């Protein structure tokens, strides 16, 4: 996206989600997975995980 224009961070564009993933995977595992994905996406430019479990 930065090739097209400036990327602006804003709290107004939050992704809302339900607690189903927290209930299914647990708080610690969900936090570790989200943290690892953040680090991988920031520094390696690719996600840590490529698959997910649907908790519907």
PDB file of N, CA and C in Angstrom:
ATOM      1  N   UNK A   1       0.817  -1.187   0.000  1.00  0.00           N
ATOM      2  CA  UNK A   1       0.000   0.000   0.000  1.00  0.00           C
ATOM      3  C   UNK A   1       0.863   1.254   0.000  1.00  0.00           C
ATOM      4  N   UNK A   2       2.026   1.201   0.607  1.00  0.00           N
ATOM      5  CA  UNK A   2       2.848   2.406   0.670  1.00  0.00           C
ATOM      6  C   UNK A   2       3.363   2.823  -0.704  1.00  0.00           C
ATOM      7  N   UNK A   3       3.318   1.918  -1.680  1.00  0.00           N
ATOM      8  CA  UNK A   3       3.740   2.285  -3.036  1.00  0.00           C
ATOM      9  C   UNK A   3       2.709   3.195  -3.698  1.00  0.00           C
ATOM     10  N   UNK A   4       1.457   3.091  -3.286  1.00  0.00           N
ATOM     11  CA  UNK A   4       0.387   3.904  -3.846  1.00  0.00           C
ATOM     12  C   UNK A   4       0.345   5.277  -3.190  1.00  0.00           C
ATOM     13  N   UNK A   5       0.574   5.306  -1.888  1.00  0.00           N
ATOM     14  CA  UNK A   5       0.510   6.562  -1.148  1.00  0.00           C
ATOM     15  C   UNK A   5       0.892   6.341   0.302  1.00  0.00           C
ATOM     16  N   UNK A   6       0.761   7.383   1.090  1.00  0.00           N
ATOM     17  CA  UNK A   6       1.111   7.317   2.501  1.00  0.00           C
ATOM     18  C   UNK A   6       0.103   6.476   3.271  1.00  0.00           C
ATOM     19  N   UNK A   7       0.581   5.636   4.160  1.00  0.00           N
ATOM     20  CA  UNK A   7      -0.279   4.785   4.977  1.00  0.00           C
ATOM     21  C   UNK A   7      -0.431   5.442   6.338  1.00  0.00           C
ATOM     22  N   UNK A   8      -1.656   5.653   6.762  1.00  0.00           N
ATOM     23  CA  UNK A   8      -1.926   6.331   8.025  1.00  0.00           C
ATOM     24  C   UNK A   8      -2.579   5.350   9.000  1.00  0.00           C
ATOM     25  N   UNK A   9      -2.052   5.288  10.222  1.00  0.00           N
ATOM     26  CA  UNK A   9      -2.617   4.444  11.271  1.00  0.00           C
ATOM     27  C   UNK A   9      -3.685   5.227  12.007  1.00  0.00           C
ATOM     28  N   UNK A  10      -4.808   4.563  12.268  1.00  0.00           N
ATOM     29  CA  UNK A  10      -5.869   5.205  13.018  1.00  0.00           C
ATOM     30  C   UNK A  10      -6.609   4.163  13.854  1.00  0.00           C
ATOM     31  N   UNK A  11      -6.983   4.540  15.061  1.00  0.00           N
ATOM     32  CA  UNK A  11      -7.754   3.645  15.926  1.00  0.00           C
ATOM     33  C   UNK A  11      -9.199   3.532  15.461  1.00  0.00           C
ATOM     34  N   UNK A  12      -9.639   4.396  14.555  1.00  0.00           N
ATOM     35  CA  UNK A  12     -11.020   4.374  14.078  1.00  0.00           C
ATOM     36  C   UNK A  12     -11.295   3.164  13.181  1.00  0.00           C
ATOM     37  N   UNK A  13     -10.264   2.497  12.688  1.00  0.00           N
ATOM     38  CA  UNK A  13     -10.444   1.348  11.800  1.00  0.00           C
ATOM     39  C   UNK A  13     -10.147   0.034  12.513  1.00  0.00           C
ATOM     40  N   UNK A  14     -10.680  -0.117  13.691  1.00  0.00           N
ATOM     41  CA  UNK A  14     -10.438  -1.334  14.466  1.00  0.00           C
ATOM     42  C   UNK A  14     -11.234  -2.496  13.889  1.00  0.00           C
ATOM     43  N   UNK A  15     -10.639  -3.679  13.932  1.00  0.00           N
ATOM     44  CA  UNK A  15     -11.322  -4.897  13.495  1.00  0.00           C
ATOM     45  C   UNK A  15     -11.998  -5.525  14.711  1.00  0.00           C
ATOM     46  N   UNK A  16     -13.292  -5.527  14.714  1.00  0.00           N
ATOM     47  CA  UNK A  16     -14.032  -6.103  15.838  1.00  0.00           C
ATOM     48  C   UNK A  16     -14.187  -7.599  15.623  1.00  0.00           C
ATOM     49  N   UNK A  17     -14.047  -8.366  16.692  1.00  0.00           N
ATOM     50  CA  UNK A  17     -14.212  -9.808  16.600  1.00  0.00           C
ATOM     51  C   UNK A  17     -14.886 -10.315  17.868  1.00  0.00           C
ATOM     52  N   UNK A  18     -15.406 -11.499  17.783  1.00  0.00           N
ATOM     53  CA  UNK A  18     -16.082 -12.077  18.937  1.00  0.00           C
ATOM     54  C   UNK A  18     -15.071 -12.817  19.806  1.00  0.00           C
ATOM     55  N   UNK A  19     -15.510 -13.292  20.937  1.00  0.00           N
ATOM     56  CA  UNK A  19     -14.644 -14.022  21.843  1.00  0.00           C
ATOM     57  C   UNK A  19     -14.535 -15.505  21.531  1.00  0.00           C
ATOM     58  N   UNK A  20     -15.074 -15.940  20.396  1.00  0.00           N
ATOM     59  CA  UNK A  20     -15.043 -17.366  20.061  1.00  0.00           C
ATOM     60  C   UNK A  20     -13.625 -17.898  19.914  1.00  0.00           C
ATOM     61  N   UNK A  21     -12.746 -17.120  19.299  1.00  0.00           N
ATOM     62  CA  UNK A  21     -11.363 -17.565  19.126  1.00  0.00           C
ATOM     63  C   UNK A  21     -10.666 -17.648  20.478  1.00  0.00           C
ATOM     64  N   UNK A  22     -10.918 -16.691  21.342  1.00  0.00           N
ATOM     65  CA  UNK A  22     -10.323 -16.735  22.680  1.00  0.00           C
ATOM     66  C   UNK A  22     -10.838 -17.941  23.461  1.00  0.00           C
ATOM     67  N   UNK A  23     -12.111 -18.222  23.313  1.00  0.00           N
ATOM     68  CA  UNK A  23     -12.688 -19.367  24.009  1.00  0.00           C
ATOM     69  C   UNK A  23     -12.158 -20.676  23.436  1.00  0.00           C
ATOM     70  N   UNK A  24     -11.958 -20.732  22.116  1.00  0.00           N
ATOM     71  CA  UNK A  24     -11.509 -21.959  21.474  1.00  0.00           C
ATOM     72  C   UNK A  24     -10.025 -22.237  21.657  1.00  0.00           C
ATOM     73  N   UNK A  25      -9.183 -21.224  21.476  1.00  0.00           N
ATOM     74  CA  UNK A  25      -7.735 -21.407  21.558  1.00  0.00           C
ATOM     75  C   UNK A  25      -7.156 -21.034  22.912  1.00  0.00           C
ATOM     76  N   UNK A  26      -7.848 -20.196  23.641  1.00  0.00           N
ATOM     77  CA  UNK A  26      -7.322 -19.715  24.910  1.00  0.00           C
ATOM     78  C   UNK A  26      -6.632 -18.366  24.732  1.00  0.00           C
ATOM     79  N   UNK A  27      -6.562 -17.608  25.801  1.00  0.00           N
ATOM     80  CA  UNK A  27      -6.008 -16.265  25.746  1.00  0.00           C
ATOM     81  C   UNK A  27      -4.520 -16.269  25.418  1.00  0.00           C
ATOM     82  N   UNK A  28      -3.754 -17.145  26.056  1.00  0.00           N
ATOM     83  CA  UNK A  28      -2.305 -17.174  25.845  1.00  0.00           C
ATOM     84  C   UNK A  28      -1.957 -17.581  24.412  1.00  0.00           C
ATOM     85  N   UNK A  29      -2.575 -18.618  23.891  1.00  0.00           N
ATOM     86  CA  UNK A  29      -2.266 -19.088  22.545  1.00  0.00           C
ATOM     87  C   UNK A  29      -2.686 -18.057  21.494  1.00  0.00           C
ATOM     88  N   UNK A  30      -3.835 -17.428  21.685  1.00  0.00           N
ATOM     89  CA  UNK A  30      -4.275 -16.397  20.756  1.00  0.00           C
ATOM     90  C   UNK A  30      -3.321 -15.212  20.784  1.00  0.00           C
ATOM     91  N   UNK A  31      -2.912 -14.787  21.957  1.00  0.00           N
ATOM     92  CA  UNK A  31      -1.959 -13.684  22.075  1.00  0.00           C
ATOM     93  C   UNK A  31      -0.614 -14.005  21.446  1.00  0.00           C
ATOM     94  N   UNK A  32      -0.127 -15.218  21.650  1.00  0.00           N
ATOM     95  CA  UNK A  32       1.144 -15.622  21.035  1.00  0.00           C
ATOM     96  C   UNK A  32       1.036 -15.647  19.511  1.00  0.00           C
ATOM     97  N   UNK A  33      -0.062 -16.159  19.013  1.00  0.00           N
ATOM     98  CA  UNK A  33      -0.248 -16.226  17.557  1.00  0.00           C
ATOM     99  C   UNK A  33      -0.359 -14.823  16.959  1.00  0.00           C
ATOM    100  N   UNK A  34      -1.123 -13.951  17.586  1.00  0.00           N
ATOM    101  CA  UNK A  34      -1.254 -12.579  17.088  1.00  0.00           C
ATOM    102  C   UNK A  34       0.077 -11.852  17.170  1.00  0.00           C
ATOM    103  N   UNK A  35       0.816 -12.049  18.264  1.00  0.00           N
ATOM    104  CA  UNK A  35       2.126 -11.413  18.422  1.00  0.00           C
ATOM    105  C   UNK A  35       3.117 -11.896  17.381  1.00  0.00           C
ATOM    106  N   UNK A  36       3.149 -13.201  17.141  1.00  0.00           N
ATOM    107  CA  UNK A  36       4.054 -13.760  16.136  1.00  0.00           C
ATOM    108  C   UNK A  36       3.696 -13.249  14.742  1.00  0.00           C
ATOM    109  N   UNK A  37       2.413 -13.162  14.436  1.00  0.00           N
ATOM    110  CA  UNK A  37       2.004 -12.640  13.135  1.00  0.00           C
ATOM    111  C   UNK A  37       2.390 -11.179  12.971  1.00  0.00           C
ATOM    112  N   UNK A  38       2.303 -10.406  14.038  1.00  0.00           N
ATOM    113  CA  UNK A  38       2.707  -9.000  13.976  1.00  0.00           C
ATOM    114  C   UNK A  38       4.199  -8.877  13.679  1.00  0.00           C
ATOM    115  N   UNK A  39       5.025  -9.649  14.388  1.00  0.00           N
ATOM    116  CA  UNK A  39       6.479  -9.589  14.192  1.00  0.00           C
ATOM    117  C   UNK A  39       6.851 -10.057  12.788  1.00  0.00           C
ATOM    118  N   UNK A  40       6.274 -11.165  12.353  1.00  0.00           N
ATOM    119  CA  UNK A  40       6.588 -11.694  11.018  1.00  0.00           C
ATOM    120  C   UNK A  40       6.160 -10.696   9.939  1.00  0.00           C
ATOM    121  N   UNK A  41       4.966 -10.127  10.069  1.00  0.00           N
ATOM    122  CA  UNK A  41       4.481  -9.186   9.052  1.00  0.00           C
ATOM    123  C   UNK A  41       5.302  -7.897   9.051  1.00  0.00           C
ATOM    124  N   UNK A  42       5.748  -7.457  10.215  1.00  0.00           N
ATOM    125  CA  UNK A  42       6.512  -6.223  10.297  1.00  0.00           C
ATOM    126  C   UNK A  42       7.919  -6.381   9.758  1.00  0.00           C
ATOM    127  N   UNK A  43       8.598  -7.442  10.124  1.00  0.00           N
ATOM    128  CA  UNK A  43      10.006  -7.582   9.778  1.00  0.00           C
ATOM    129  C   UNK A  43      10.271  -8.490   8.575  1.00  0.00           C
ATOM    130  N   UNK A  44       9.474  -9.512   8.376  1.00  0.00           N
ATOM    131  CA  UNK A  44       9.716 -10.456   7.286  1.00  0.00           C
ATOM    132  C   UNK A  44       8.765 -10.267   6.110  1.00  0.00           C
ATOM    133  N   UNK A  45       7.790  -9.367   6.267  1.00  0.00           N
ATOM    134  CA  UNK A  45       6.826  -9.040   5.209  1.00  0.00           C
ATOM    135  C   UNK A  45       5.969 -10.219   4.770  1.00  0.00           C
ATOM    136  N   UNK A  46       5.745 -11.169   5.684  1.00  0.00           N
ATOM    137  CA  UNK A  46       4.844 -12.287   5.403  1.00  0.00           C
ATOM    138  C   UNK A  46       4.252 -12.756   6.727  1.00  0.00           C
ATOM    139  N   UNK A  47       3.088 -13.366   6.719  1.00  0.00           N
ATOM    140  CA  UNK A  47       2.474 -13.813   7.972  1.00  0.00           C
ATOM    141  C   UNK A  47       3.150 -15.056   8.543  1.00  0.00           C
ATOM    142  N   UNK A  48       3.077 -15.205   9.839  1.00  0.00           N
ATOM    143  CA  UNK A  48       3.591 -16.391  10.522  1.00  0.00           C
ATOM    144  C   UNK A  48       2.689 -17.584  10.260  1.00  0.00           C
ATOM    145  N   UNK A  49       1.391 -17.378  10.333  1.00  0.00           N
ATOM    146  CA  UNK A  49       0.420 -18.450  10.090  1.00  0.00           C
ATOM    147  C   UNK A  49      -0.274 -18.212   8.758  1.00  0.00           C
ATOM    148  N   UNK A  50      -0.588 -19.285   8.058  1.00  0.00           N
ATOM    149  CA  UNK A  50      -1.310 -19.161   6.788  1.00  0.00           C
ATOM    150  C   UNK A  50      -2.673 -19.836   6.839  1.00  0.00           C
ATOM    151  N   UNK A  51      -2.945 -20.594   7.878  1.00  0.00           N
ATOM    152  CA  UNK A  51      -4.237 -21.277   8.020  1.00  0.00           C
ATOM    153  C   UNK A  51      -4.870 -20.871   9.345  1.00  0.00           C
ATOM    154  N   UNK A  52      -6.178 -21.046   9.448  1.00  0.00           N
ATOM    155  CA  UNK A  52      -6.879 -20.722  10.669  1.00  0.00           C
ATOM    156  C   UNK A  52      -8.039 -21.683  10.853  1.00  0.00           C
ATOM    157  N   UNK A  53      -8.519 -21.733  12.064  1.00  0.00           N
ATOM    158  CA  UNK A  53      -9.669 -22.572  12.392  1.00  0.00           C
ATOM    159  C   UNK A  53     -10.899 -21.682  12.509  1.00  0.00           C
ATOM    160  N   UNK A  54     -11.983 -22.082  11.863  1.00  0.00           N
ATOM    161  CA  UNK A  54     -13.228 -21.333  11.922  1.00  0.00           C
ATOM    162  C   UNK A  54     -13.992 -21.740  13.179  1.00  0.00           C
ATOM    163  N   UNK A  55     -14.315 -20.769  14.042  1.00  0.00           N
ATOM    164  CA  UNK A  55     -14.968 -21.049  15.310  1.00  0.00           C
ATOM    165  C   UNK A  55     -16.433 -20.620  15.299  1.00  0.00           C
ATOM    166  N   UNK A  56     -17.149 -20.929  14.251  1.00  0.00           N
ATOM    167  CA  UNK A  56     -18.575 -20.571  14.212  1.00  0.00           C
ATOM    168  C   UNK A  56     -19.426 -21.703  14.678  1.00  0.00           C
TER     169      UNK A  56
END
